[in-house]
All heavy atoms as atom14 arrays in JSON, in Angstrom:
{
  "sequence": "NGEVISADSRLVYKGFDIASAKPDMEEREG",
  "atom14_mask": [
    [1, 1, 1, 1, 1, 1, 1, 1, 0, 0, 0, 0, 0, 0],
    [1, 1, 1, 1, 0, 0, 0, 0, 0, 0, 0, 0, 0, 0],
    [1, 1, 1, 1, 1, 1, 1, 1, 1, 0, 0, 0, 0, 0],
    [1, 1, 1, 1, 1, 1, 1, 0, 0, 0, 0, 0, 0, 0],
    [1, 1, 1, 1, 1, 1, 1, 1, 0, 0, 0, 0, 0, 0],
    [1, 1, 1, 1, 1, 1, 0, 0, 0, 0, 0, 0, 0, 0],
    [1, 1, 1, 1, 1, 0, 0, 0, 0, 0, 0, 0, 0, 0],
    [1, 1, 1, 1, 1, 1, 1, 1, 0, 0, 0, 0, 0, 0],
    [1, 1, 1, 1, 1, 1, 0, 0, 0, 0, 0, 0, 0, 0],
    [1, 1, 1, 1, 1, 1, 1, 1, 1, 1, 1, 0, 0, 0],
    [1, 1, 1, 1, 1, 1, 1, 1, 0, 0, 0, 0, 0, 0],
    [1, 1, 1, 1, 1, 1, 1, 0, 0, 0, 0, 0, 0, 0],
    [1, 1, 1, 1, 1, 1, 1, 1, 1, 1, 1, 1, 0, 0],
    [1, 1, 1, 1, 1, 1, 1, 1, 1, 0, 0, 0, 0, 0],
    [1, 1, 1, 1, 0, 0, 0, 0, 0, 0, 0, 0, 0, 0],
    [1, 1, 1, 1, 1, 1, 1, 1, 1, 1, 1, 0, 0, 0],
    [1, 1, 1, 1, 1, 1, 1, 1, 0, 0, 0, 0, 0, 0],
    [1, 1, 1, 1, 1, 1, 1, 1, 0, 0, 0, 0, 0, 0],
    [1, 1, 1, 1, 1, 0, 0, 0, 0, 0, 0, 0, 0, 0],
    [1, 1, 1, 1, 1, 1, 0, 0, 0, 0, 0, 0, 0, 0],
    [1, 1, 1, 1, 1, 0, 0, 0, 0, 0, 0, 0, 0, 0],
    [1, 1, 1, 1, 1, 1, 1, 1, 1, 0, 0, 0, 0, 0],
    [1, 1, 1, 1, 1, 1, 1, 0, 0, 0, 0, 0, 0, 0],
    [1, 1, 1, 1, 1, 1, 1, 1, 0, 0, 0, 0, 0, 0],
    [1, 1, 1, 1, 1, 1, 1, 1, 0, 0, 0, 0, 0, 0],
    [1, 1, 1, 1, 1, 1, 1, 1, 1, 0, 0, 0, 0, 0],
    [1, 1, 1, 1, 1, 1, 1, 1, 1, 0, 0, 0, 0, 0],
    [1, 1, 1, 1, 1, 1, 1, 1, 1, 1, 1, 0, 0, 0],
    [1, 1, 1, 1, 1, 1, 1, 1, 1, 0, 0, 0, 0, 0],
    [1, 1, 1, 1, 0, 0, 0, 0, 0, 0, 0, 0, 0, 0]
  ],
  "atom14_positions": [
    [[-10.04, 35.56, -16.97], [-11.09, 35.24, -17.94], [-10.51, 35.2, -19.35], [-10.97, 35.87, -20.27], [-12.23, 36.27, -17.87], [-13.42, 35.89, -18.73], [-13.7, 34.71, -18.93], [-14.12, 36.89, -19.25], [0.0, 0.0, 0.0], [0.0, 0.0, 0.0], [0.0, 0.0, 0.0], [0.0, 0.0, 0.0], [0.0, 0.0, 0.0], [0.0, 0.0, 0.0]],
    [[-9.48, 34.37, -19.5], [-8.76, 34.35, -20.76], [-8.85, 33.05, -21.52], [-9.39, 32.05, -21.04], [0.0, 0.0, 0.0], [0.0, 0.0, 0.0], [0.0, 0.0, 0.0], [0.0, 0.0, 0.0], [0.0, 0.0, 0.0], [0.0, 0.0, 0.0], [0.0, 0.0, 0.0], [0.0, 0.0, 0.0], [0.0, 0.0, 0.0], [0.0, 0.0, 0.0]],
    [[-8.34, 33.08, -22.75], [-8.18, 31.9, -23.58], [-6.75, 31.9, -24.1], [-6.15, 32.96, -24.3], [-9.19, 31.9, -24.73], [-10.63, 31.82, -24.26], [-11.63, 31.73, -25.41], [-11.19, 31.57, -26.58], [-12.85, 31.82, -25.14], [0.0, 0.0, 0.0], [0.0, 0.0, 0.0], [0.0, 0.0, 0.0], [0.0, 0.0, 0.0], [0.0, 0.0, 0.0]],
    [[-6.22, 30.71, -24.35], [-4.82, 30.57, -24.71], [-4.67, 30.39, -26.23], [-5.41, 29.62, -26.85], [-4.19, 29.36, -23.98], [-2.75, 29.14, -24.44], [-4.25, 29.57, -22.47], [0.0, 0.0, 0.0], [0.0, 0.0, 0.0], [0.0, 0.0, 0.0], [0.0, 0.0, 0.0], [0.0, 0.0, 0.0], [0.0, 0.0, 0.0], [0.0, 0.0, 0.0]],
    [[-3.71, 31.11, -26.78], [-3.33, 30.94, -28.18], [-1.91, 30.38, -28.19], [-0.98, 31.01, -27.68], [-3.35, 32.28, -28.94], [-4.75, 32.89, -28.91], [-2.9, 32.08, -30.39], [-4.81, 34.31, -29.44], [0.0, 0.0, 0.0], [0.0, 0.0, 0.0], [0.0, 0.0, 0.0], [0.0, 0.0, 0.0], [0.0, 0.0, 0.0], [0.0, 0.0, 0.0]],
    [[-1.74, 29.2, -28.73], [-0.42, 28.57, -28.76], [0.51, 29.33, -29.71], [0.11, 29.77, -30.78], [-0.54, 27.12, -29.22], [0.75, 26.57, -29.48], [0.0, 0.0, 0.0], [0.0, 0.0, 0.0], [0.0, 0.0, 0.0], [0.0, 0.0, 0.0], [0.0, 0.0, 0.0], [0.0, 0.0, 0.0], [0.0, 0.0, 0.0], [0.0, 0.0, 0.0]],
    [[1.77, 29.46, -29.28], [2.82, 30.03, -30.13], [3.95, 29.02, -30.2], [5.08, 29.28, -29.78], [3.31, 31.37, -29.57], [0.0, 0.0, 0.0], [0.0, 0.0, 0.0], [0.0, 0.0, 0.0], [0.0, 0.0, 0.0], [0.0, 0.0, 0.0], [0.0, 0.0, 0.0], [0.0, 0.0, 0.0], [0.0, 0.0, 0.0], [0.0, 0.0, 0.0]],
    [[3.62, 27.85, -30.71], [4.58, 26.77, -30.82], [4.48, 26.18, -32.22], [3.41, 25.76, -32.66], [4.28, 25.69, -29.77], [5.36, 24.63, -29.71], [5.5, 23.88, -30.71], [6.04, 24.52, -28.69], [0.0, 0.0, 0.0], [0.0, 0.0, 0.0], [0.0, 0.0, 0.0], [0.0, 0.0, 0.0], [0.0, 0.0, 0.0], [0.0, 0.0, 0.0]],
    [[5.61, 26.12, -32.9], [5.61, 25.71, -34.3], [5.31, 24.23, -34.51], [5.09, 23.81, -35.65], [6.96, 26.03, -34.94], [8.0, 25.29, -34.33], [0.0, 0.0, 0.0], [0.0, 0.0, 0.0], [0.0, 0.0, 0.0], [0.0, 0.0, 0.0], [0.0, 0.0, 0.0], [0.0, 0.0, 0.0], [0.0, 0.0, 0.0], [0.0, 0.0, 0.0]],
    [[5.29, 23.44, -33.45], [4.98, 22.01, -33.6], [3.59, 21.64, -33.1], [3.02, 20.64, -33.51], [6.04, 21.16, -32.87], [7.39, 21.11, -33.65], [7.15, 20.52, -35.01], [8.33, 20.42, -35.86], [8.62, 21.28, -36.83], [7.87, 22.33, -37.03], [9.68, 21.1, -37.6], [0.0, 0.0, 0.0], [0.0, 0.0, 0.0], [0.0, 0.0, 0.0]],
    [[3.02, 22.44, -32.23], [1.68, 22.13, -31.73], [0.61, 22.28, -32.79], [-0.5, 21.75, -32.64], [1.33, 23.01, -30.52], [2.17, 22.84, -29.26], [1.48, 23.54, -28.08], [2.41, 21.38, -28.91], [0.0, 0.0, 0.0], [0.0, 0.0, 0.0], [0.0, 0.0, 0.0], [0.0, 0.0, 0.0], [0.0, 0.0, 0.0], [0.0, 0.0, 0.0]],
    [[0.93, 22.98, -33.88], [-0.07, 23.13, -34.95], [-0.34, 21.81, -35.65], [-1.41, 21.63, -36.25], [0.37, 24.18, -36.0], [0.52, 25.55, -35.35], [1.65, 23.76, -36.7], [0.0, 0.0, 0.0], [0.0, 0.0, 0.0], [0.0, 0.0, 0.0], [0.0, 0.0, 0.0], [0.0, 0.0, 0.0], [0.0, 0.0, 0.0], [0.0, 0.0, 0.0]],
    [[0.59, 20.85, -35.57], [0.48, 19.62, -36.36], [-0.29, 18.52, -35.64], [0.0, 18.18, -34.49], [1.87, 19.12, -36.73], [2.59, 20.04, -37.69], [3.77, 20.67, -37.34], [2.05, 20.31, -38.96], [4.43, 21.53, -38.21], [2.68, 21.17, -39.83], [3.87, 21.79, -39.45], [4.49, 22.64, -40.32], [0.0, 0.0, 0.0], [0.0, 0.0, 0.0]],
    [[-1.25, 17.97, -36.34], [-2.05, 16.87, -35.82], [-1.17, 15.63, -35.63], [-0.41, 15.27, -36.53], [-3.2, 16.55, -36.77], [-4.17, 17.7, -36.97], [-5.25, 17.36, -38.0], [-6.19, 18.52, -38.21], [-7.23, 18.23, -39.24], [0.0, 0.0, 0.0], [0.0, 0.0, 0.0], [0.0, 0.0, 0.0], [0.0, 0.0, 0.0], [0.0, 0.0, 0.0]],
    [[-1.27, 15.02, -34.47], [-0.52, 13.79, -34.2], [0.83, 14.01, -33.55], [1.41, 13.07, -33.01], [0.0, 0.0, 0.0], [0.0, 0.0, 0.0], [0.0, 0.0, 0.0], [0.0, 0.0, 0.0], [0.0, 0.0, 0.0], [0.0, 0.0, 0.0], [0.0, 0.0, 0.0], [0.0, 0.0, 0.0], [0.0, 0.0, 0.0], [0.0, 0.0, 0.0]],
    [[1.35, 15.23, -33.6], [2.62, 15.53, -32.93], [2.3, 15.84, -31.47], [2.27, 16.99, -31.05], [3.3, 16.73, -33.59], [3.97, 16.43, -34.89], [3.6, 15.34, -35.67], [4.97, 17.25, -35.37], [4.22, 15.07, -36.89], [5.6, 17.0, -36.58], [5.22, 15.91, -37.35], [0.0, 0.0, 0.0], [0.0, 0.0, 0.0], [0.0, 0.0, 0.0]],
    [[2.06, 14.82, -30.69], [1.53, 15.0, -29.34], [2.59, 14.9, -28.24], [2.86, 15.87, -27.54], [0.42, 13.98, -29.09], [-0.74, 14.13, -30.06], [-0.93, 15.24, -30.59], [-1.45, 13.14, -30.31], [0.0, 0.0, 0.0], [0.0, 0.0, 0.0], [0.0, 0.0, 0.0], [0.0, 0.0, 0.0], [0.0, 0.0, 0.0], [0.0, 0.0, 0.0]],
    [[3.18, 13.72, -28.11], [4.09, 13.49, -26.98], [5.4, 14.25, -27.16], [5.87, 14.93, -26.23], [4.35, 11.99, -26.8], [3.02, 11.28, -26.47], [5.37, 11.74, -25.7], [3.14, 9.76, -26.41], [0.0, 0.0, 0.0], [0.0, 0.0, 0.0], [0.0, 0.0, 0.0], [0.0, 0.0, 0.0], [0.0, 0.0, 0.0], [0.0, 0.0, 0.0]],
    [[6.0, 14.17, -28.33], [7.3, 14.82, -28.55], [7.21, 16.33, -28.4], [8.18, 16.98, -28.01], [7.86, 14.46, -29.92], [0.0, 0.0, 0.0], [0.0, 0.0, 0.0], [0.0, 0.0, 0.0], [0.0, 0.0, 0.0], [0.0, 0.0, 0.0], [0.0, 0.0, 0.0], [0.0, 0.0, 0.0], [0.0, 0.0, 0.0], [0.0, 0.0, 0.0]],
    [[6.06, 16.91, -28.71], [5.89, 18.36, -28.62], [5.38, 18.81, -27.25], [5.2, 20.01, -27.03], [4.93, 18.85, -29.7], [3.61, 18.39, -29.43], [0.0, 0.0, 0.0], [0.0, 0.0, 0.0], [0.0, 0.0, 0.0], [0.0, 0.0, 0.0], [0.0, 0.0, 0.0], [0.0, 0.0, 0.0], [0.0, 0.0, 0.0], [0.0, 0.0, 0.0]],
    [[5.14, 17.84, -26.36], [4.56, 18.14, -25.04], [3.23, 18.88, -25.18], [2.91, 19.8, -24.43], [5.53, 18.93, -24.18], [0.0, 0.0, 0.0], [0.0, 0.0, 0.0], [0.0, 0.0, 0.0], [0.0, 0.0, 0.0], [0.0, 0.0, 0.0], [0.0, 0.0, 0.0], [0.0, 0.0, 0.0], [0.0, 0.0, 0.0], [0.0, 0.0, 0.0]],
    [[2.45, 18.46, -26.17], [1.15, 19.09, -26.41], [0.21, 18.81, -25.23], [0.03, 17.65, -24.84], [0.55, 18.52, -27.69], [-0.77, 19.14, -28.13], [-1.28, 18.46, -29.39], [-0.34, 18.72, -30.57], [-0.76, 17.99, -31.79], [0.0, 0.0, 0.0], [0.0, 0.0, 0.0], [0.0, 0.0, 0.0], [0.0, 0.0, 0.0], [0.0, 0.0, 0.0]],
    [[-0.37, 19.84, -24.63], [-1.28, 19.6, -23.49], [-2.56, 18.9, -23.95], [-3.2, 19.32, -24.92], [-1.58, 21.01, -22.97], [-1.36, 21.91, -24.15], [-0.25, 21.27, -24.95], [0.0, 0.0, 0.0], [0.0, 0.0, 0.0], [0.0, 0.0, 0.0], [0.0, 0.0, 0.0], [0.0, 0.0, 0.0], [0.0, 0.0, 0.0], [0.0, 0.0, 0.0]],
    [[-2.92, 17.81, -23.26], [-4.16, 17.12, -23.61], [-5.34, 17.86, -22.98], [-5.17, 18.87, -22.28], [-4.11, 15.66, -23.19], [-3.9, 15.47, -21.69], [-4.26, 16.37, -20.9], [-3.35, 14.42, -21.29], [0.0, 0.0, 0.0], [0.0, 0.0, 0.0], [0.0, 0.0, 0.0], [0.0, 0.0, 0.0], [0.0, 0.0, 0.0], [0.0, 0.0, 0.0]],
    [[-6.55, 17.38, -23.22], [-7.74, 18.09, -22.75], [-7.78, 18.19, -21.23], [-8.22, 19.2, -20.67], [-9.0, 17.38, -23.28], [-9.1, 17.36, -24.8], [-8.9, 19.0, -25.58], [-10.33, 19.85, -24.93], [0.0, 0.0, 0.0], [0.0, 0.0, 0.0], [0.0, 0.0, 0.0], [0.0, 0.0, 0.0], [0.0, 0.0, 0.0], [0.0, 0.0, 0.0]],
    [[-7.29, 17.16, -20.55], [-7.27, 17.21, -19.09], [-6.31, 18.29, -18.6], [-6.63, 19.05, -17.67], [-6.86, 15.85, -18.52], [-6.85, 15.8, -17.0], [-6.48, 14.43, -16.47], [-6.35, 13.48, -17.27], [-6.31, 14.3, -15.24], [0.0, 0.0, 0.0], [0.0, 0.0, 0.0], [0.0, 0.0, 0.0], [0.0, 0.0, 0.0], [0.0, 0.0, 0.0]],
    [[-5.16, 18.37, -19.23], [-4.16, 19.37, -18.82], [-4.63, 20.79, -19.11], [-4.22, 21.74, -18.43], [-2.84, 19.1, -19.54], [-2.12, 17.84, -19.08], [-0.94, 17.5, -19.97], [-1.09, 17.47, -21.21], [0.15, 17.26, -19.4], [0.0, 0.0, 0.0], [0.0, 0.0, 0.0], [0.0, 0.0, 0.0], [0.0, 0.0, 0.0], [0.0, 0.0, 0.0]],
    [[-5.5, 20.95, -20.09], [-5.98, 22.3, -20.43], [-7.01, 22.8, -19.42], [-7.35, 23.99, -19.42], [-6.58, 22.3, -21.85], [-5.57, 21.94, -22.92], [-6.19, 21.9, -24.31], [-5.4, 21.08, -25.23], [-5.68, 20.86, -26.48], [-6.76, 21.42, -27.03], [-4.91, 20.08, -27.23], [0.0, 0.0, 0.0], [0.0, 0.0, 0.0], [0.0, 0.0, 0.0]],
    [[-7.51, 21.93, -18.59], [-8.39, 22.29, -17.46], [-9.59, 23.13, -17.89], [-10.02, 24.06, -17.2], [-7.6, 23.03, -16.38], [-6.47, 22.18, -15.78], [-5.76, 22.89, -14.66], [-6.42, 23.67, -13.93], [-4.54, 22.66, -14.5], [0.0, 0.0, 0.0], [0.0, 0.0, 0.0], [0.0, 0.0, 0.0], [0.0, 0.0, 0.0], [0.0, 0.0, 0.0]],
    [[-10.14, 22.81, -19.05], [-11.34, 23.5, -19.51], [-11.09, 24.84, -20.17], [-12.04, 25.5, -20.62], [0.0, 0.0, 0.0], [0.0, 0.0, 0.0], [0.0, 0.0, 0.0], [0.0, 0.0, 0.0], [0.0, 0.0, 0.0], [0.0, 0.0, 0.0], [0.0, 0.0, 0.0], [0.0, 0.0, 0.0], [0.0, 0.0, 0.0], [0.0, 0.0, 0.0]]
  ]
}
């Protein structure tokens, strides 16, 4: 029953999606 807090210095940036392997909404599985 948890929620995830990212600890990645590039995931904070808007638009840095593919290169940072940022999980999209589908990958986050709700």
